[in-house]
N, C-alpha and C. Protein backbone atom coordinates (compact mmCIF):
# COMPACT_ATOMS: atom_id res chain seq x y z
N MET A 1 21.43 -5.71 -11.01
CA MET A 1 20.25 -5.55 -11.14
C MET A 1 19.70 -4.02 -11.56
N THR A 2 18.89 -3.90 -12.46
CA THR A 2 18.54 -2.66 -13.24
C THR A 2 17.18 -2.13 -12.78
N SER A 3 16.18 -3.26 -12.58
CA SER A 3 14.89 -2.90 -11.91
C SER A 3 14.60 -3.91 -10.72
N PHE A 4 13.39 -3.35 -10.08
CA PHE A 4 12.91 -4.47 -9.09
C PHE A 4 11.62 -5.07 -9.37
N LYS A 5 11.45 -6.08 -9.28
CA LYS A 5 10.41 -7.03 -9.98
C LYS A 5 9.55 -7.40 -8.71
N ARG A 6 10.41 -7.67 -7.39
CA ARG A 6 9.63 -8.03 -6.17
C ARG A 6 10.27 -7.44 -5.17
N ARG A 7 9.56 -7.54 -3.80
CA ARG A 7 10.12 -6.50 -3.01
C ARG A 7 11.34 -7.15 -2.31
N ASP A 8 11.61 -8.44 -2.65
CA ASP A 8 12.71 -8.93 -2.23
C ASP A 8 14.15 -8.44 -2.93
N ASP A 9 13.93 -8.00 -4.18
CA ASP A 9 15.05 -7.54 -4.77
C ASP A 9 15.71 -6.31 -4.11
N VAL A 10 14.66 -5.39 -3.42
CA VAL A 10 15.31 -4.43 -2.75
C VAL A 10 16.12 -4.87 -1.63
N LEU A 11 15.59 -5.68 -0.89
CA LEU A 11 16.49 -6.26 0.37
C LEU A 11 17.82 -6.76 -0.20
N THR A 12 17.70 -7.50 -1.49
CA THR A 12 18.97 -8.23 -1.89
C THR A 12 20.14 -7.08 -2.36
N VAL A 13 19.46 -5.95 -3.02
CA VAL A 13 20.37 -4.83 -3.37
C VAL A 13 21.03 -4.25 -2.12
N LEU A 14 20.04 -3.83 -1.06
CA LEU A 14 20.49 -3.34 0.20
C LEU A 14 21.40 -4.23 0.96
N ILE A 15 21.64 -5.39 0.95
CA ILE A 15 22.31 -6.54 1.36
C ILE A 15 23.89 -6.32 0.85
N HIS A 16 23.85 -6.59 -0.77
CA HIS A 16 24.93 -6.30 -1.54
C HIS A 16 25.68 -4.99 -1.17
N LEU A 17 24.72 -3.86 -0.84
CA LEU A 17 25.58 -2.73 -0.55
C LEU A 17 26.08 -2.48 0.53
N GLY A 18 25.45 -3.49 1.35
CA GLY A 18 26.10 -3.31 2.79
C GLY A 18 25.32 -2.47 3.89
N TYR A 19 24.35 -2.06 3.39
CA TYR A 19 23.56 -1.32 4.22
C TYR A 19 22.60 -2.19 5.21
N LEU A 20 22.24 -3.44 4.67
CA LEU A 20 21.85 -4.63 5.63
C LEU A 20 22.57 -5.83 5.45
N ALA A 21 22.33 -6.57 6.76
CA ALA A 21 23.04 -7.87 6.57
C ALA A 21 22.03 -8.95 6.70
N TYR A 22 22.34 -10.24 6.35
CA TYR A 22 21.45 -11.36 6.46
C TYR A 22 21.89 -12.30 7.51
N ASP A 23 21.17 -12.69 8.84
CA ASP A 23 21.46 -13.64 9.39
C ASP A 23 20.51 -15.04 8.94
N SER A 24 21.49 -16.02 8.33
CA SER A 24 21.00 -17.21 7.93
C SER A 24 20.09 -18.26 8.85
N GLU A 25 20.54 -18.23 10.01
CA GLU A 25 19.90 -18.86 11.11
C GLU A 25 18.63 -18.46 11.55
N THR A 26 18.20 -16.94 11.51
CA THR A 26 17.06 -16.49 11.97
C THR A 26 16.29 -16.13 10.57
N ALA A 27 16.80 -16.29 9.38
CA ALA A 27 16.40 -15.83 8.01
C ALA A 27 15.88 -14.34 8.24
N GLU A 28 16.66 -13.55 8.80
CA GLU A 28 16.31 -12.01 9.24
C GLU A 28 17.50 -11.18 8.79
N VAL A 29 17.14 -10.09 8.15
CA VAL A 29 17.93 -8.82 7.99
C VAL A 29 18.02 -7.68 8.96
N TYR A 30 19.09 -7.34 9.15
CA TYR A 30 19.41 -6.29 10.15
C TYR A 30 20.47 -5.19 9.86
N ILE A 31 20.74 -4.13 10.54
CA ILE A 31 21.28 -3.08 10.12
C ILE A 31 22.73 -3.33 10.73
N PRO A 32 23.82 -3.51 10.23
CA PRO A 32 24.74 -4.00 10.74
C PRO A 32 25.71 -2.96 11.03
N ASN A 33 25.57 -1.51 10.72
CA ASN A 33 26.37 -0.46 10.83
C ASN A 33 25.89 0.43 11.66
N GLU A 34 26.69 0.87 12.70
CA GLU A 34 25.97 1.82 13.82
C GLU A 34 25.41 3.06 13.40
N GLU A 35 26.19 3.64 12.30
CA GLU A 35 26.06 4.82 11.76
C GLU A 35 24.49 4.85 10.89
N VAL A 36 24.73 3.84 9.95
CA VAL A 36 23.50 3.70 9.49
C VAL A 36 22.02 3.40 10.41
N ARG A 37 22.20 2.70 11.30
CA ARG A 37 21.20 2.35 12.26
C ARG A 37 20.77 3.73 12.97
N GLY A 38 21.76 4.47 13.23
CA GLY A 38 21.45 5.73 13.93
C GLY A 38 20.55 6.57 13.20
N ALA A 39 20.75 6.75 11.74
CA ALA A 39 20.12 7.49 10.81
C ALA A 39 18.58 7.06 10.69
N PHE A 40 18.77 5.63 10.53
CA PHE A 40 17.40 5.14 10.55
C PHE A 40 16.63 5.26 11.53
N SER A 41 17.00 5.48 12.74
CA SER A 41 15.96 5.38 13.88
C SER A 41 15.77 6.81 13.74
N THR A 42 16.71 7.78 13.39
CA THR A 42 16.30 9.29 13.31
C THR A 42 15.05 9.45 12.29
N VAL A 43 14.95 8.96 11.19
CA VAL A 43 13.86 8.86 10.24
C VAL A 43 12.63 8.15 10.84
N ILE A 44 12.78 7.08 11.38
CA ILE A 44 11.83 6.35 12.32
C ILE A 44 11.13 7.47 12.98
N ARG A 45 11.98 7.89 14.01
CA ARG A 45 11.40 8.92 15.14
C ARG A 45 10.49 10.13 14.30
N ASP A 46 11.18 10.60 13.55
CA ASP A 46 10.77 11.81 13.22
C ASP A 46 9.71 11.82 12.06
N THR A 47 9.28 10.46 11.83
CA THR A 47 8.16 10.40 10.79
C THR A 47 6.91 10.14 11.51
N ASP A 48 5.63 10.71 10.73
CA ASP A 48 4.52 10.34 11.27
C ASP A 48 3.76 9.25 10.58
N TRP A 49 3.77 7.95 11.39
CA TRP A 49 3.32 6.73 10.72
C TRP A 49 2.02 6.47 10.90
N THR A 50 1.05 7.52 11.48
CA THR A 50 -0.38 7.36 11.54
C THR A 50 -0.98 6.73 10.38
N PRO A 51 -0.62 7.39 8.96
CA PRO A 51 -1.18 6.70 7.98
C PRO A 51 -1.01 5.22 7.58
N VAL A 52 0.25 4.98 7.88
CA VAL A 52 0.70 3.40 7.74
C VAL A 52 0.08 2.70 8.66
N ILE A 53 0.01 2.86 10.03
CA ILE A 53 -0.37 2.36 10.83
C ILE A 53 -2.30 1.92 10.60
N ASN A 54 -2.73 3.22 10.31
CA ASN A 54 -4.23 3.05 10.03
C ASN A 54 -4.75 2.30 8.96
N ALA A 55 -3.69 1.78 7.76
CA ALA A 55 -3.66 1.43 6.77
C ALA A 55 -3.59 -0.33 7.13
N VAL A 56 -2.57 -0.49 7.90
CA VAL A 56 -2.51 -1.80 8.51
C VAL A 56 -3.52 -2.13 9.05
N GLN A 57 -3.86 -1.41 10.08
CA GLN A 57 -5.20 -2.00 11.12
C GLN A 57 -6.49 -2.20 10.17
N ALA A 58 -6.63 -1.48 9.04
CA ALA A 58 -7.92 -1.66 8.18
C ALA A 58 -7.54 -3.08 7.45
N SER A 59 -6.64 -3.13 6.90
CA SER A 59 -6.25 -4.29 6.26
C SER A 59 -6.38 -5.52 7.09
N ASP A 60 -6.03 -5.71 8.17
CA ASP A 60 -6.20 -6.64 9.21
C ASP A 60 -7.33 -6.78 9.43
N ALA A 61 -8.16 -5.96 9.70
CA ALA A 61 -9.98 -5.93 9.89
C ALA A 61 -10.48 -6.43 8.54
N LEU A 62 -9.99 -6.05 7.58
CA LEU A 62 -10.71 -6.60 6.72
C LEU A 62 -10.41 -8.24 6.04
N LEU A 63 -9.17 -8.62 6.54
CA LEU A 63 -8.57 -9.84 6.42
C LEU A 63 -9.44 -10.94 7.39
N ARG A 64 -9.59 -10.50 8.71
CA ARG A 64 -10.52 -11.04 9.78
C ARG A 64 -11.83 -11.15 9.13
N ALA A 65 -12.40 -10.14 8.83
CA ALA A 65 -13.78 -10.36 8.22
C ALA A 65 -14.24 -11.19 6.91
N THR A 66 -13.04 -11.31 6.20
CA THR A 66 -12.97 -12.18 4.95
C THR A 66 -12.97 -13.69 5.84
N TRP A 67 -12.06 -13.84 6.63
CA TRP A 67 -11.75 -15.15 7.30
C TRP A 67 -13.11 -15.60 7.89
N GLU A 68 -14.06 -14.44 8.78
CA GLU A 68 -15.23 -14.77 9.24
C GLU A 68 -16.64 -15.01 8.28
N ARG A 69 -16.05 -14.52 7.15
CA ARG A 69 -17.37 -14.40 6.07
C ARG A 69 -18.33 -13.25 6.50
N ASP A 70 -17.98 -12.24 6.63
CA ASP A 70 -18.70 -11.20 7.37
C ASP A 70 -18.64 -10.25 6.13
N ALA A 71 -20.02 -10.52 5.22
CA ALA A 71 -19.84 -9.88 3.91
C ALA A 71 -20.05 -8.22 4.18
N ASP A 72 -20.85 -7.96 5.39
CA ASP A 72 -21.31 -6.49 5.51
C ASP A 72 -19.85 -6.11 5.52
N THR A 73 -19.20 -6.44 6.75
CA THR A 73 -17.80 -5.58 6.88
C THR A 73 -17.12 -5.62 5.73
N ILE A 74 -16.76 -6.55 5.17
CA ILE A 74 -16.04 -6.61 3.88
C ILE A 74 -16.65 -5.54 2.88
N ALA A 75 -17.54 -5.47 2.78
CA ALA A 75 -18.38 -4.34 1.79
C ALA A 75 -18.08 -3.14 2.07
N ARG A 76 -18.32 -2.92 3.45
CA ARG A 76 -17.89 -1.55 3.99
C ARG A 76 -16.50 -1.12 3.88
N GLY A 77 -15.73 -2.01 4.01
CA GLY A 77 -13.97 -1.87 4.03
C GLY A 77 -13.59 -1.48 2.83
N ILE A 78 -14.17 -2.27 1.81
CA ILE A 78 -13.51 -2.12 0.50
C ILE A 78 -14.28 -0.77 -0.32
N SER A 79 -15.44 -0.62 0.43
CA SER A 79 -16.25 0.75 -0.28
C SER A 79 -15.33 2.12 0.49
N LYS A 80 -14.93 2.00 1.55
CA LYS A 80 -14.13 3.11 2.42
C LYS A 80 -12.85 3.17 1.50
N VAL A 81 -12.18 2.15 1.25
CA VAL A 81 -10.64 2.14 0.52
C VAL A 81 -11.02 3.01 -1.00
N HIS A 82 -12.03 2.22 -1.52
CA HIS A 82 -12.34 2.83 -2.75
C HIS A 82 -12.56 4.20 -2.77
N ARG A 83 -13.48 4.61 -2.04
CA ARG A 83 -13.55 6.21 -1.83
C ARG A 83 -12.45 6.92 -1.49
N ALA A 84 -11.51 6.45 -0.77
CA ALA A 84 -10.44 7.21 -0.11
C ALA A 84 -9.44 7.28 -1.30
N ASN A 85 -9.57 6.39 -2.29
CA ASN A 85 -8.62 6.62 -3.39
C ASN A 85 -9.15 6.90 -5.07
N THR A 86 -10.33 7.15 -4.77
CA THR A 86 -10.87 7.54 -5.98
C THR A 86 -11.57 9.17 -5.89
N SER A 87 -11.19 9.99 -6.71
CA SER A 87 -11.50 11.47 -6.57
C SER A 87 -12.76 11.60 -7.54
N MET A 88 -13.08 10.93 -8.53
CA MET A 88 -13.91 11.12 -9.33
C MET A 88 -14.41 9.89 -10.22
N LEU A 89 -16.03 9.94 -10.45
CA LEU A 89 -16.53 9.02 -11.18
C LEU A 89 -16.68 9.55 -12.61
N VAL A 90 -16.35 8.70 -13.54
CA VAL A 90 -16.21 9.15 -15.13
C VAL A 90 -17.33 8.04 -15.39
N GLY A 91 -18.58 8.59 -16.12
CA GLY A 91 -19.52 7.74 -17.00
C GLY A 91 -19.70 8.20 -18.30
N ILE A 92 -19.54 7.12 -19.13
CA ILE A 92 -19.58 7.51 -20.56
C ILE A 92 -20.85 6.53 -21.29
N SER A 93 -21.66 7.27 -22.01
CA SER A 93 -22.85 6.50 -22.70
C SER A 93 -22.93 6.87 -23.96
N TYR A 94 -23.40 6.16 -24.76
CA TYR A 94 -23.75 6.37 -26.21
C TYR A 94 -25.22 6.53 -26.32
N ARG A 95 -25.65 7.47 -27.00
CA ARG A 95 -27.12 7.88 -27.37
C ARG A 95 -27.34 7.43 -28.77
N LYS A 96 -28.06 6.36 -29.32
CA LYS A 96 -28.54 6.27 -30.37
C LYS A 96 -29.25 7.40 -31.28
N GLU A 97 -30.33 7.84 -30.56
CA GLU A 97 -30.77 9.07 -31.14
C GLU A 97 -29.92 10.00 -31.65
N GLU A 98 -28.83 10.27 -31.05
CA GLU A 98 -28.00 11.32 -31.26
C GLU A 98 -26.70 10.89 -32.03
N LYS A 99 -26.66 9.83 -32.00
CA LYS A 99 -25.31 9.10 -32.66
C LYS A 99 -24.34 9.72 -32.04
N GLY A 100 -24.25 9.66 -30.58
CA GLY A 100 -22.95 10.34 -30.12
C GLY A 100 -22.70 9.88 -28.63
N TYR A 101 -21.64 10.30 -28.01
CA TYR A 101 -21.46 9.71 -26.81
C TYR A 101 -21.39 10.98 -25.91
N SER A 102 -21.53 10.90 -24.74
CA SER A 102 -21.74 11.79 -23.82
C SER A 102 -20.87 11.29 -22.43
N CYS A 103 -20.49 12.13 -21.75
CA CYS A 103 -19.68 12.00 -20.69
C CYS A 103 -19.87 12.85 -19.56
N VAL A 104 -19.94 12.15 -18.25
CA VAL A 104 -20.33 12.70 -17.24
C VAL A 104 -19.25 12.67 -16.27
N ILE A 105 -18.53 13.71 -15.45
CA ILE A 105 -17.66 13.40 -14.58
C ILE A 105 -18.25 13.90 -13.21
N GLU A 106 -18.26 13.11 -12.13
CA GLU A 106 -18.73 13.81 -10.96
C GLU A 106 -17.44 13.53 -9.76
N GLU A 107 -17.29 14.44 -8.88
CA GLU A 107 -16.40 14.51 -8.00
C GLU A 107 -16.97 13.79 -6.84
N TRP A 108 -16.17 13.24 -6.06
CA TRP A 108 -16.57 12.65 -4.71
C TRP A 108 -16.70 13.76 -3.57
N GLU A 109 -17.29 13.56 -2.72
CA GLU A 109 -17.23 14.47 -1.76
C GLU A 109 -16.67 13.93 -0.51
């Protein structure tokens, strides 16, 4: 396998390399090697997961709002994500009288 097309491909490679094992009864993967499990625990313990936790919670809230058809909450959630991931706006317009284009770049604050 030279490229990953789905996230399951990563798990498949890790299973074939022996970093993970698969339990067919529970359909779960686990870390079979104590040394690898210890290294994984160290990485998990020493990493700040706050951004990941915040993203998962925001995603969960947006999903609940979608199920509840709460358009205002959905709009606020999408707007917040958009602002957080967009650093600038680019506007391009064509002016007939000048026969030319103009471009405006505005940075989000």
